[in-house]
Each structure stands twice: as structure tokens, then as C-alpha cells.
Amino acid sequence: MPALPPALFDLAGAHHLTASGALHLAPDEIPGLQTLVLLSPAEPGFWDHFTATPEYLDGTRDPMNRWSARVITAMADALGATPLFPFSGPPWQPFTNWARRSARAWPSPVGLLVHDAAGLMISYRGALAFRDRFALPPSGPRPCDTCPDQPCLRACPVDALRPDAYNVPACKYDLDRPGNDCRARGCAVRRACPLSQSYGRREEQSAFHMGYFG
């Protein structure tokens, strides 16, 4: 079985993206396509790269989604692949399901996905689906299994994140509490993860995303 095309990694790296997982699609899951590769920000450096792009600088809505669509579609055209995005729908593509099936992301103790390299800071900008069945890269272990302290469980001041529930109203209410820095620095739970701390994501990027949360 052939390996994933080397050009995939070259094209992704040129835009500070990385192949953050891959899986084989079930027969007829996406007719005619067999291998799917998930794409995520490559850190450190993604935020500095993105903020120099036309989409960020033009002052119009949804710059990161527009940038992702342009860049990943161009990658797909160059590689003969099909681009897929988590923000285009309905119907919405099952990115969370694909992430779990990639064997590089798992449910964490707080319910959020945790990635073997990005920790709780994992995000997906898109995916490429190929007609060929490529060999999958090796996967890493679930990081929570070797994290004895699991600080994510104690990081939220209102205990909004649990494996079986996410208390959205409590989370949004706490964002406006004096002294809460989640809006400016990113979710405290995500930041508490030891892997998140070593991932290199800029606080400005987290604040950008939190601005859409509300």
C-alpha cells in the first residue's frame, strides 16, 4: 500500500498546516474516496502566518474560514483530492468522528477531544479525501493515560466541562466575570493540559476564536 504523497506534507507545511490524523473511509462513506487526511494548524508559527494573509487583513467576516477554504482547496486541486471543511454545511461533515477514528484524538476527562501532539488545543481547518487507499502514518498514545494529575478537571471555575455534559450558559456567564481571562487567553481548561502548554499556540489566536463564542 503506497504512503501518503510527500507533496501533501510540503504543501501543508508551506501554509503552517500539518497532517494531524488520517483514516480509511468506509465503503461508500464518501463515494469514490478511500483515504482522508485531517489538517490542523502547525505550531508554533501558525498565527503569525495567518495574520499576514489577505483574508485576515481585508477586515471582512470569517477570515480563518475563508483562508482555510482557499488554501485547502488549492492543495486539493494540486493533489487530485477532494477538500472537506468543518464549517461548510448543512450537511455538516463529521470531523469529530473522523478525529476519533484517526487514532490520534480521543475524548478527554472533560469531554473535549485531546490530540497526541496538540493536547486540548487541537482544531481542524479542513481535510483532504483521496481516491487511493494510502498507508496510514503511525499514531501516538492517548496522552491522558499518562497524565496522573489531569489538571483539566480542576481548571474551570464553574465546572462547565464534564465528560457527559457541557454547561454552555455557565461558561458564557463566567466569561464576563471580573478576573476571568479565558476570553483574552483562551479556555482555562484547554490551557491546563500539559500538552497544550507545549504546543506553541499563541494566546492571540485563542482570543480570536473566543471572540466568536460570545
Foldseek 3Di string as FASTA:
>chain_A
DAADDPVLQVLQVVQQKHQQFKDFDDDVPPDLFTIKTFIWGQPDPNVVSQCVDPLNPVPDPDSLLVVLVVSVVVVCVVVVWDKFAQPDDDVGDPPVVRNVRRQQWDQAQQQQIQGPQQGSPTDTGIMTTHSDHHDTDDYDHDVNVVVVVLCLCVFDPVSQTGNVHGNLVVVVVCCPDPPDCCLQQNDRSRCVDPSNVVRHDGSNVRNVVSVVSD
